[in-house]
PDB file of all heavy atoms in Angstrom:
ATOM      1  N   HIS A   1      14.265  26.552 -20.057  1.00  0.00           N
ATOM      2  CA  HIS A   1      14.309  25.097 -20.553  1.00  0.00           C
ATOM      3  C   HIS A   1      13.522  24.154 -19.633  1.00  0.00           C
ATOM      4  O   HIS A   1      13.730  24.211 -18.373  1.00  0.00           O
ATOM      5  CB  HIS A   1      15.714  24.643 -20.620  1.00  0.00           C
ATOM      6  CG  HIS A   1      16.572  25.288 -21.672  1.00  0.00           C
ATOM      7  ND1 HIS A   1      17.255  26.499 -21.515  1.00  0.00           N
ATOM      8  CD2 HIS A   1      16.876  24.882 -22.954  1.00  0.00           C
ATOM      9  CE1 HIS A   1      17.817  26.852 -22.609  1.00  0.00           C
ATOM     10  NE2 HIS A   1      17.665  25.903 -23.484  1.00  0.00           N
ATOM     11  N   PHE A   2      12.531  23.550 -20.137  1.00  0.00           N
ATOM     12  CA  PHE A   2      11.752  22.520 -19.324  1.00  0.00           C
ATOM     13  C   PHE A   2      12.647  21.266 -19.254  1.00  0.00           C
ATOM     14  O   PHE A   2      12.911  20.572 -20.160  1.00  0.00           O
ATOM     15  CB  PHE A   2      10.500  22.219 -20.089  1.00  0.00           C
ATOM     16  CG  PHE A   2       9.694  21.006 -19.574  1.00  0.00           C
ATOM     17  CD1 PHE A   2       9.521  20.784 -18.176  1.00  0.00           C
ATOM     18  CD2 PHE A   2       9.256  20.087 -20.422  1.00  0.00           C
ATOM     19  CE1 PHE A   2       8.840  19.788 -17.733  1.00  0.00           C
ATOM     20  CE2 PHE A   2       8.508  18.983 -20.028  1.00  0.00           C
ATOM     21  CZ  PHE A   2       8.341  18.749 -18.586  1.00  0.00           C
ATOM     22  N   LEU A   3      13.037  21.028 -18.036  1.00  0.00           N
ATOM     23  CA  LEU A   3      13.930  19.956 -17.730  1.00  0.00           C
ATOM     24  C   LEU A   3      13.243  18.588 -17.556  1.00  0.00           C
ATOM     25  O   LEU A   3      13.855  17.565 -17.841  1.00  0.00           O
ATOM     26  CB  LEU A   3      14.756  20.179 -16.505  1.00  0.00           C
ATOM     27  CG  LEU A   3      15.614  21.525 -16.556  1.00  0.00           C
ATOM     28  CD1 LEU A   3      16.235  21.742 -15.091  1.00  0.00           C
ATOM     29  CD2 LEU A   3      16.662  21.482 -17.685  1.00  0.00           C
ATOM     30  N   GLY A   4      11.988  18.675 -17.129  1.00  0.00           N
ATOM     31  CA  GLY A   4      11.247  17.404 -16.902  1.00  0.00           C
ATOM     32  C   GLY A   4      10.212  17.632 -15.817  1.00  0.00           C
ATOM     33  O   GLY A   4      10.279  18.666 -15.077  1.00  0.00           O
ATOM     34  N   GLY A   5       9.366  16.659 -15.622  1.00  0.00           N
ATOM     35  CA  GLY A   5       8.348  16.812 -14.605  1.00  0.00           C
ATOM     36  C   GLY A   5       7.770  15.515 -14.191  1.00  0.00           C
ATOM     37  O   GLY A   5       8.034  14.516 -14.803  1.00  0.00           O
ATOM     38  N   ILE A   6       6.948  15.513 -13.141  1.00  0.00           N
ATOM     39  CA  ILE A   6       6.336  14.286 -12.620  1.00  0.00           C
ATOM     40  C   ILE A   6       4.874  14.420 -12.679  1.00  0.00           C
ATOM     41  O   ILE A   6       4.283  15.553 -12.573  1.00  0.00           O
ATOM     42  CB  ILE A   6       6.823  13.929 -11.194  1.00  0.00           C
ATOM     43  CG1 ILE A   6       6.519  15.052 -10.199  1.00  0.00           C
ATOM     44  CG2 ILE A   6       8.388  13.602 -11.297  1.00  0.00           C
ATOM     45  CD1 ILE A   6       6.884  14.712  -8.785  1.00  0.00           C
ATOM     46  N   ILE A   7       4.206  13.281 -12.639  1.00  0.00           N
ATOM     47  CA  ILE A   7       2.722  13.217 -12.590  1.00  0.00           C
ATOM     48  C   ILE A   7       2.401  12.251 -11.433  1.00  0.00           C
ATOM     49  O   ILE A   7       2.955  11.179 -11.304  1.00  0.00           O
ATOM     50  CB  ILE A   7       2.095  12.706 -13.892  1.00  0.00           C
ATOM     51  CG1 ILE A   7       2.552  13.600 -15.057  1.00  0.00           C
ATOM     52  CG2 ILE A   7       0.606  12.728 -13.796  1.00  0.00           C
ATOM     53  CD1 ILE A   7       2.171  13.004 -16.382  1.00  0.00           C
ATOM     54  N   LEU A   8       1.457  12.651 -10.590  1.00  0.00           N
ATOM     55  CA  LEU A   8       1.009  11.763  -9.545  1.00  0.00           C
ATOM     56  C   LEU A   8      -0.541  11.938  -9.389  1.00  0.00           C
ATOM     57  O   LEU A   8      -1.155  12.955  -9.813  1.00  0.00           O
ATOM     58  CB  LEU A   8       1.691  11.981  -8.274  1.00  0.00           C
ATOM     59  CG  LEU A   8       1.607  13.236  -7.466  1.00  0.00           C
ATOM     60  CD1 LEU A   8       1.918  13.013  -5.937  1.00  0.00           C
ATOM     61  CD2 LEU A   8       2.651  14.281  -8.027  1.00  0.00           C
ATOM     62  N   PRO A   9      -1.204  11.040  -8.756  1.00  0.00           N
ATOM     63  CA  PRO A   9      -2.675  11.157  -8.528  1.00  0.00           C
ATOM     64  C   PRO A   9      -3.039  12.299  -7.689  1.00  0.00           C
ATOM     65  O   PRO A   9      -2.289  12.676  -6.700  1.00  0.00           O
ATOM     66  CB  PRO A   9      -3.106   9.802  -7.949  1.00  0.00           C
ATOM     67  CG  PRO A   9      -1.940   8.863  -8.128  1.00  0.00           C
ATOM     68  CD  PRO A   9      -0.679   9.803  -8.194  1.00  0.00           C
ATOM     69  N   GLY A  10      -4.200  12.950  -7.956  1.00  0.00           N
ATOM     70  CA  GLY A  10      -4.722  13.858  -6.997  1.00  0.00           C
ATOM     71  C   GLY A  10      -5.407  13.218  -5.806  1.00  0.00           C
ATOM     72  O   GLY A  10      -5.473  12.019  -5.798  1.00  0.00           O
ATOM     73  N   HIS A  11      -5.839  14.042  -4.907  1.00  0.00           N
ATOM     74  CA  HIS A  11      -6.424  13.501  -3.646  1.00  0.00           C
ATOM     75  C   HIS A  11      -7.544  12.458  -3.954  1.00  0.00           C
ATOM     76  O   HIS A  11      -7.533  11.384  -3.308  1.00  0.00           O
ATOM     77  CB  HIS A  11      -7.070  14.629  -2.791  1.00  0.00           C
ATOM     78  CG  HIS A  11      -6.024  15.443  -2.062  1.00  0.00           C
ATOM     79  ND1 HIS A  11      -5.447  16.564  -2.635  1.00  0.00           N
ATOM     80  CD2 HIS A  11      -5.484  15.272  -0.872  1.00  0.00           C
ATOM     81  CE1 HIS A  11      -4.631  17.044  -1.764  1.00  0.00           C
ATOM     82  NE2 HIS A  11      -4.582  16.383  -0.646  1.00  0.00           N
ATOM     83  N   GLY A  12      -8.422  12.812  -4.845  1.00  0.00           N
ATOM     84  CA  GLY A  12      -9.592  11.924  -5.135  1.00  0.00           C
ATOM     85  C   GLY A  12      -9.204  10.633  -5.684  1.00  0.00           C
ATOM     86  O   GLY A  12      -9.677   9.582  -5.302  1.00  0.00           O
ATOM     87  N   ILE A  13      -8.289  10.645  -6.705  1.00  0.00           N
ATOM     88  CA  ILE A  13      -7.813   9.363  -7.298  1.00  0.00           C
ATOM     89  C   ILE A  13      -7.102   8.517  -6.256  1.00  0.00           C
ATOM     90  O   ILE A  13      -7.299   7.256  -6.165  1.00  0.00           O
ATOM     91  CB  ILE A  13      -6.885   9.662  -8.466  1.00  0.00           C
ATOM     92  CG1 ILE A  13      -7.650  10.338  -9.528  1.00  0.00           C
ATOM     93  CG2 ILE A  13      -6.247   8.379  -9.012  1.00  0.00           C
ATOM     94  CD1 ILE A  13      -6.848  10.738 -10.749  1.00  0.00           C
ATOM     95  N   MET A  14      -6.271   9.126  -5.446  1.00  0.00           N
ATOM     96  CA  MET A  14      -5.600   8.333  -4.319  1.00  0.00           C
ATOM     97  C   MET A  14      -6.603   7.640  -3.477  1.00  0.00           C
ATOM     98  O   MET A  14      -6.475   6.456  -3.116  1.00  0.00           O
ATOM     99  CB  MET A  14      -4.642   9.212  -3.449  1.00  0.00           C
ATOM    100  CG  MET A  14      -3.422   9.759  -4.175  1.00  0.00           C
ATOM    101  SD  MET A  14      -2.404  10.623  -3.004  1.00  0.00           S
ATOM    102  CE  MET A  14      -1.402  11.626  -4.075  1.00  0.00           C
ATOM    103  N   LEU A  15      -7.595   8.368  -3.041  1.00  0.00           N
ATOM    104  CA  LEU A  15      -8.543   7.805  -2.150  1.00  0.00           C
ATOM    105  C   LEU A  15      -9.351   6.688  -2.787  1.00  0.00           C
ATOM    106  O   LEU A  15      -9.593   5.611  -2.235  1.00  0.00           O
ATOM    107  CB  LEU A  15      -9.523   8.908  -1.599  1.00  0.00           C
ATOM    108  CG  LEU A  15     -10.600   8.448  -0.597  1.00  0.00           C
ATOM    109  CD1 LEU A  15      -9.957   7.864   0.671  1.00  0.00           C
ATOM    110  CD2 LEU A  15     -11.451   9.636  -0.205  1.00  0.00           C
ATOM    111  N   ARG A  16      -9.811   6.972  -3.987  1.00  0.00           N
ATOM    112  CA  ARG A  16     -10.586   5.902  -4.759  1.00  0.00           C
ATOM    113  C   ARG A  16      -9.737   4.684  -5.008  1.00  0.00           C
ATOM    114  O   ARG A  16     -10.281   3.506  -4.899  1.00  0.00           O
ATOM    115  CB  ARG A  16     -11.162   6.467  -5.995  1.00  0.00           C
ATOM    116  CG  ARG A  16     -12.233   7.446  -5.835  1.00  0.00           C
ATOM    117  CD  ARG A  16     -12.976   7.785  -7.136  1.00  0.00           C
ATOM    118  NE  ARG A  16     -12.188   8.451  -8.114  1.00  0.00           N
ATOM    119  CZ  ARG A  16     -11.935   9.703  -8.188  1.00  0.00           C
ATOM    120  NH1 ARG A  16     -12.522  10.499  -7.350  1.00  0.00           N
ATOM    121  NH2 ARG A  16     -11.209  10.222  -9.131  1.00  0.00           N
ATOM    122  N   ALA A  17      -8.454   4.859  -5.273  1.00  0.00           N
ATOM    123  CA  ALA A  17      -7.605   3.657  -5.521  1.00  0.00           C
ATOM    124  C   ALA A  17      -7.449   2.816  -4.204  1.00  0.00           C
ATOM    125  O   ALA A  17      -7.485   1.583  -4.282  1.00  0.00           O
ATOM    126  CB  ALA A  17      -6.231   4.111  -5.901  1.00  0.00           C
ATOM    127  N   LEU A  18      -7.352   3.479  -3.057  1.00  0.00           N
ATOM    128  CA  LEU A  18      -7.195   2.749  -1.832  1.00  0.00           C
ATOM    129  C   LEU A  18      -8.574   2.078  -1.445  1.00  0.00           C
ATOM    130  O   LEU A  18      -8.595   0.914  -0.971  1.00  0.00           O
ATOM    131  CB  LEU A  18      -6.789   3.648  -0.667  1.00  0.00           C
ATOM    132  CG  LEU A  18      -5.289   4.060  -0.746  1.00  0.00           C
ATOM    133  CD1 LEU A  18      -5.084   5.258   0.213  1.00  0.00           C
ATOM    134  CD2 LEU A  18      -4.466   2.885  -0.346  1.00  0.00           C
ATOM    135  N   GLU A  19      -9.640   2.780  -1.660  1.00  0.00           N
ATOM    136  CA  GLU A  19     -10.982   2.242  -1.358  1.00  0.00           C
ATOM    137  C   GLU A  19     -11.192   0.990  -2.198  1.00  0.00           C
ATOM    138  O   GLU A  19     -11.862  -0.008  -1.763  1.00  0.00           O
ATOM    139  CB  GLU A  19     -12.028   3.224  -1.609  1.00  0.00           C
ATOM    140  CG  GLU A  19     -12.072   4.355  -0.527  1.00  0.00           C
ATOM    141  CD  GLU A  19     -13.163   5.278  -0.690  1.00  0.00           C
ATOM    142  OE1 GLU A  19     -13.656   5.439  -1.862  1.00  0.00           O
ATOM    143  OE2 GLU A  19     -13.548   6.061   0.210  1.00  0.00           O
ATOM    144  N   SER A  20     -10.862   1.002  -3.541  1.00  0.00           N
ATOM    145  CA  SER A  20     -11.148  -0.099  -4.390  1.00  0.00           C
ATOM    146  C   SER A  20     -10.147  -1.259  -4.188  1.00  0.00           C
ATOM    147  O   SER A  20     -10.552  -2.442  -4.465  1.00  0.00           O
ATOM    148  CB  SER A  20     -11.079   0.378  -5.852  1.00  0.00           C
ATOM    149  OG  SER A  20      -9.817   0.812  -6.227  1.00  0.00           O
ATOM    150  N   GLY A  21      -8.997  -1.013  -3.712  1.00  0.00           N
ATOM    151  CA  GLY A  21      -7.973  -2.076  -3.585  1.00  0.00           C
ATOM    152  C   GLY A  21      -7.837  -2.583  -2.174  1.00  0.00           C
ATOM    153  O   GLY A  21      -7.081  -3.542  -2.055  1.00  0.00           O
ATOM    154  N   THR A  22      -8.462  -1.955  -1.170  1.00  0.00           N
ATOM    155  CA  THR A  22      -8.285  -2.372   0.180  1.00  0.00           C
ATOM    156  C   THR A  22      -9.627  -2.451   0.919  1.00  0.00           C
ATOM    157  O   THR A  22     -10.409  -1.568   0.815  1.00  0.00           O
ATOM    158  CB  THR A  22      -7.440  -1.398   0.928  1.00  0.00           C
ATOM    159  OG1 THR A  22      -6.158  -1.113   0.224  1.00  0.00           O
ATOM    160  CG2 THR A  22      -7.029  -1.867   2.306  1.00  0.00           C
ATOM    161  N   ALA A  23      -9.923  -3.580   1.524  1.00  0.00           N
ATOM    162  CA  ALA A  23     -11.156  -3.764   2.222  1.00  0.00           C
ATOM    163  C   ALA A  23     -11.219  -2.905   3.454  1.00  0.00           C
ATOM    164  O   ALA A  23     -10.223  -2.671   4.093  1.00  0.00           O
ATOM    165  CB  ALA A  23     -11.278  -5.271   2.631  1.00  0.00           C
ATOM    166  N   GLY A  24     -12.409  -2.383   3.734  1.00  0.00           N
ATOM    167  CA  GLY A  24     -12.631  -1.620   4.923  1.00  0.00           C
ATOM    168  C   GLY A  24     -12.197  -0.132   4.967  1.00  0.00           C
ATOM    169  O   GLY A  24     -12.150   0.395   6.042  1.00  0.00           O
ATOM    170  N   LEU A  25     -11.911   0.384   3.749  1.00  0.00           N
ATOM    171  CA  LEU A  25     -11.399   1.802   3.797  1.00  0.00           C
ATOM    172  C   LEU A  25     -12.508   2.743   3.293  1.00  0.00           C
ATOM    173  O   LEU A  25     -12.084   3.826   2.853  1.00  0.00           O
ATOM    174  CB  LEU A  25     -10.196   1.883   2.894  1.00  0.00           C
ATOM    175  CG  LEU A  25      -8.900   1.391   3.604  1.00  0.00           C
ATOM    176  CD1 LEU A  25      -7.712   1.633   2.741  1.00  0.00           C
ATOM    177  CD2 LEU A  25      -8.703   1.978   4.994  1.00  0.00           C
ATOM    178  N   HIS A  26     -13.735   2.365   3.272  1.00  0.00           N
ATOM    179  CA  HIS A  26     -14.812   3.259   2.836  1.00  0.00           C
ATOM    180  C   HIS A  26     -15.195   4.164   4.052  1.00  0.00           C
ATOM    181  O   HIS A  26     -16.104   3.850   4.791  1.00  0.00           O
ATOM    182  CB  HIS A  26     -16.027   2.427   2.321  1.00  0.00           C
ATOM    183  CG  HIS A  26     -15.686   1.698   1.156  1.00  0.00           C
ATOM    184  ND1 HIS A  26     -15.767   2.223  -0.167  1.00  0.00           N
ATOM    185  CD2 HIS A  26     -15.273   0.365   0.913  1.00  0.00           C
ATOM    186  CE1 HIS A  26     -15.433   1.344  -1.048  1.00  0.00           C
ATOM    187  NE2 HIS A  26     -15.169   0.206  -0.412  1.00  0.00           N
ATOM    188  N   VAL A  27     -14.489   5.174   4.267  1.00  0.00           N
ATOM    189  CA  VAL A  27     -14.618   6.007   5.424  1.00  0.00           C
ATOM    190  C   VAL A  27     -14.776   7.534   4.969  1.00  0.00           C
ATOM    191  O   VAL A  27     -14.482   7.883   3.828  1.00  0.00           O
ATOM    192  CB  VAL A  27     -13.383   5.941   6.332  1.00  0.00           C
ATOM    193  CG1 VAL A  27     -13.227   4.507   6.865  1.00  0.00           C
ATOM    194  CG2 VAL A  27     -12.068   6.371   5.629  1.00  0.00           C
ATOM    195  N   PRO A  28     -15.327   8.355   5.822  1.00  0.00           N
ATOM    196  CA  PRO A  28     -15.512   9.758   5.505  1.00  0.00           C
ATOM    197  C   PRO A  28     -14.184  10.475   5.286  1.00  0.00           C
ATOM    198  O   PRO A  28     -13.116   9.967   5.782  1.00  0.00           O
ATOM    199  CB  PRO A  28     -16.273  10.366   6.691  1.00  0.00           C
ATOM    200  CG  PRO A  28     -16.884   9.131   7.433  1.00  0.00           C
ATOM    201  CD  PRO A  28     -15.900   7.999   7.180  1.00  0.00           C
ATOM    202  N   THR A  29     -14.172  11.602   4.618  1.00  0.00           N
ATOM    203  CA  THR A  29     -13.025  12.369   4.456  1.00  0.00           C
ATOM    204  C   THR A  29     -12.565  12.928   5.821  1.00  0.00           C
ATOM    205  O   THR A  29     -13.364  13.373   6.606  1.00  0.00           O
ATOM    206  CB  THR A  29     -13.226  13.585   3.504  1.00  0.00           C
ATOM    207  OG1 THR A  29     -13.713  13.097   2.230  1.00  0.00           O
ATOM    208  CG2 THR A  29     -12.016  14.440   3.305  1.00  0.00           C
ATOM    209  N   GLY A  30     -11.237  12.813   6.037  1.00  0.00           N
ATOM    210  CA  GLY A  30     -10.702  13.223   7.315  1.00  0.00           C
ATOM    211  C   GLY A  30     -10.008  14.546   7.237  1.00  0.00           C
ATOM    212  O   GLY A  30     -10.186  15.332   6.240  1.00  0.00           O
ATOM    213  N   ASP A  31      -9.187  14.870   8.260  1.00  0.00           N
ATOM    214  CA  ASP A  31      -8.435  16.086   8.263  1.00  0.00           C
ATOM    215  C   ASP A  31      -6.943  15.723   8.206  1.00  0.00           C
ATOM    216  O   ASP A  31      -6.479  14.579   8.436  1.00  0.00           O
ATOM    217  CB  ASP A  31      -8.733  16.754   9.621  1.00  0.00           C
ATOM    218  CG  ASP A  31     -10.168  17.200   9.764  1.00  0.00           C
ATOM    219  OD1 ASP A  31     -10.662  17.793   8.791  1.00  0.00           O
ATOM    220  OD2 ASP A  31     -10.695  16.998  10.877  1.00  0.00           O
ATOM    221  N   VAL A  32      -6.160  16.695   7.835  1.00  0.00           N
ATOM    222  CA  VAL A  32      -4.676  16.528   7.863  1.00  0.00           C
ATOM    223  C   VAL A  32      -4.135  16.719   9.194  1.00  0.00           C
ATOM    224  O   VAL A  32      -4.333  17.798   9.867  1.00  0.00           O
ATOM    225  CB  VAL A  32      -4.048  17.546   6.850  1.00  0.00           C
ATOM    226  CG1 VAL A  32      -2.567  17.375   6.825  1.00  0.00           C
ATOM    227  CG2 VAL A  32      -4.600  17.382   5.463  1.00  0.00           C
ATOM    228  N   ARG A  33      -3.392  15.790   9.763  1.00  0.00           N
ATOM    229  CA  ARG A  33      -2.951  15.749  11.138  1.00  0.00           C
ATOM    230  C   ARG A  33      -1.469  15.400  11.082  1.00  0.00           C
ATOM    231  O   ARG A  33      -1.030  14.591  10.270  1.00  0.00           O
ATOM    232  CB  ARG A  33      -3.642  14.805  12.001  1.00  0.00           C
ATOM    233  CG  ARG A  33      -5.210  14.889  12.028  1.00  0.00           C
ATOM    234  CD  ARG A  33      -5.601  16.106  12.862  1.00  0.00           C
ATOM    235  NE  ARG A  33      -7.032  16.050  13.070  1.00  0.00           N
ATOM    236  CZ  ARG A  33      -7.676  17.089  13.609  1.00  0.00           C
ATOM    237  NH1 ARG A  33      -7.055  18.178  13.946  1.00  0.00           N
ATOM    238  NH2 ARG A  33      -9.030  17.061  13.726  1.00  0.00           N
ATOM    239  N   PRO A  34      -0.633  16.012  11.921  1.00  0.00           N
ATOM    240  CA  PRO A  34       0.786  15.610  11.984  1.00  0.00           C
ATOM    241  C   PRO A  34       0.958  14.143  12.320  1.00  0.00           C
ATOM    242  O   PRO A  34       1.854  13.455  11.808  1.00  0.00           O
ATOM    243  CB  PRO A  34       1.358  16.476  13.105  1.00  0.00           C
ATOM    244  CG  PRO A  34       0.404  17.611  13.283  1.00  0.00           C
ATOM    245  CD  PRO A  34      -1.022  17.134  12.894  1.00  0.00           C
ATOM    246  N   PHE A  35       0.100  13.598  13.217  1.00  0.00           N
ATOM    247  CA  PHE A  35       0.188  12.166  13.533  1.00  0.00           C
ATOM    248  C   PHE A  35      -1.289  11.619  13.630  1.00  0.00           C
ATOM    249  O   PHE A  35      -1.934  11.543  14.623  1.00  0.00           O
ATOM    250  CB  PHE A  35       0.828  12.120  14.912  1.00  0.00           C
ATOM    251  CG  PHE A  35       2.199  12.617  15.061  1.00  0.00           C
ATOM    252  CD1 PHE A  35       2.343  13.885  15.711  1.00  0.00           C
ATOM    253  CD2 PHE A  35       3.318  11.998  14.460  1.00  0.00           C
ATOM    254  CE1 PHE A  35       3.558  14.516  15.727  1.00  0.00           C
ATOM    255  CE2 PHE A  35       4.543  12.624  14.556  1.00  0.00           C
ATOM    256  CZ  PHE A  35       4.723  13.864  15.137  1.00  0.00           C
ATOM    257  N   PRO A  36      -1.814  11.205  12.431  1.00  0.00           N
ATOM    258  CA  PRO A  36      -3.181  10.723  12.363  1.00  0.00           C
ATOM    259  C   PRO A  36      -3.434   9.492  13.230  1.00  0.00           C
ATOM    260  O   PRO A  36      -2.627   8.587  13.247  1.00  0.00           O
ATOM    261  CB  PRO A  36      -3.339  10.415  10.868  1.00  0.00           C
ATOM    262  CG  PRO A  36      -2.266  11.204  10.154  1.00  0.00           C
ATOM    263  CD  PRO A  36      -1.130  11.231  11.110  1.00  0.00           C
ATOM    264  N   THR A  37      -4.609   9.531  13.920  1.00  0.00           N
ATOM    265  CA  THR A  37      -4.877   8.410  14.810  1.00  0.00           C
ATOM    266  C   THR A  37      -6.229   7.780  14.436  1.00  0.00           C
ATOM    267  O   THR A  37      -6.863   7.034  15.304  1.00  0.00           O
ATOM    268  CB  THR A  37      -4.893   8.886  16.300  1.00  0.00           C
ATOM    269  OG1 THR A  37      -5.908   9.987  16.361  1.00  0.00           O
ATOM    270  CG2 THR A  37      -3.591   9.338  16.739  1.00  0.00           C
ATOM    271  N   ASN A  38      -6.695   8.044  13.221  1.00  0.00           N
ATOM    272  CA  ASN A  38      -7.913   7.314  12.714  1.00  0.00           C
ATOM    273  C   ASN A  38      -7.748   7.181  11.245  1.00  0.00           C
ATOM    274  O   ASN A  38      -6.944   7.881  10.583  1.00  0.00           O
ATOM    275  CB  ASN A  38      -9.242   7.998  13.108  1.00  0.00           C
ATOM    276  CG  ASN A  38      -9.343   9.396  12.588  1.00  0.00           C
ATOM    277  OD1 ASN A  38      -9.570   9.512  11.337  1.00  0.00           O
ATOM    278  ND2 ASN A  38      -9.279  10.433  13.363  1.00  0.00           N
TER     279      ASN A  38
END
């Protein structure tokens, strides 16, 4: 029985949404870090 599910943006959509909605976030792709410092 399919009980239900969720939909969320993929990596690319998340990044583009932040870039378009926030000034100064046009930056290169970074790395996954436990405690990001950039």
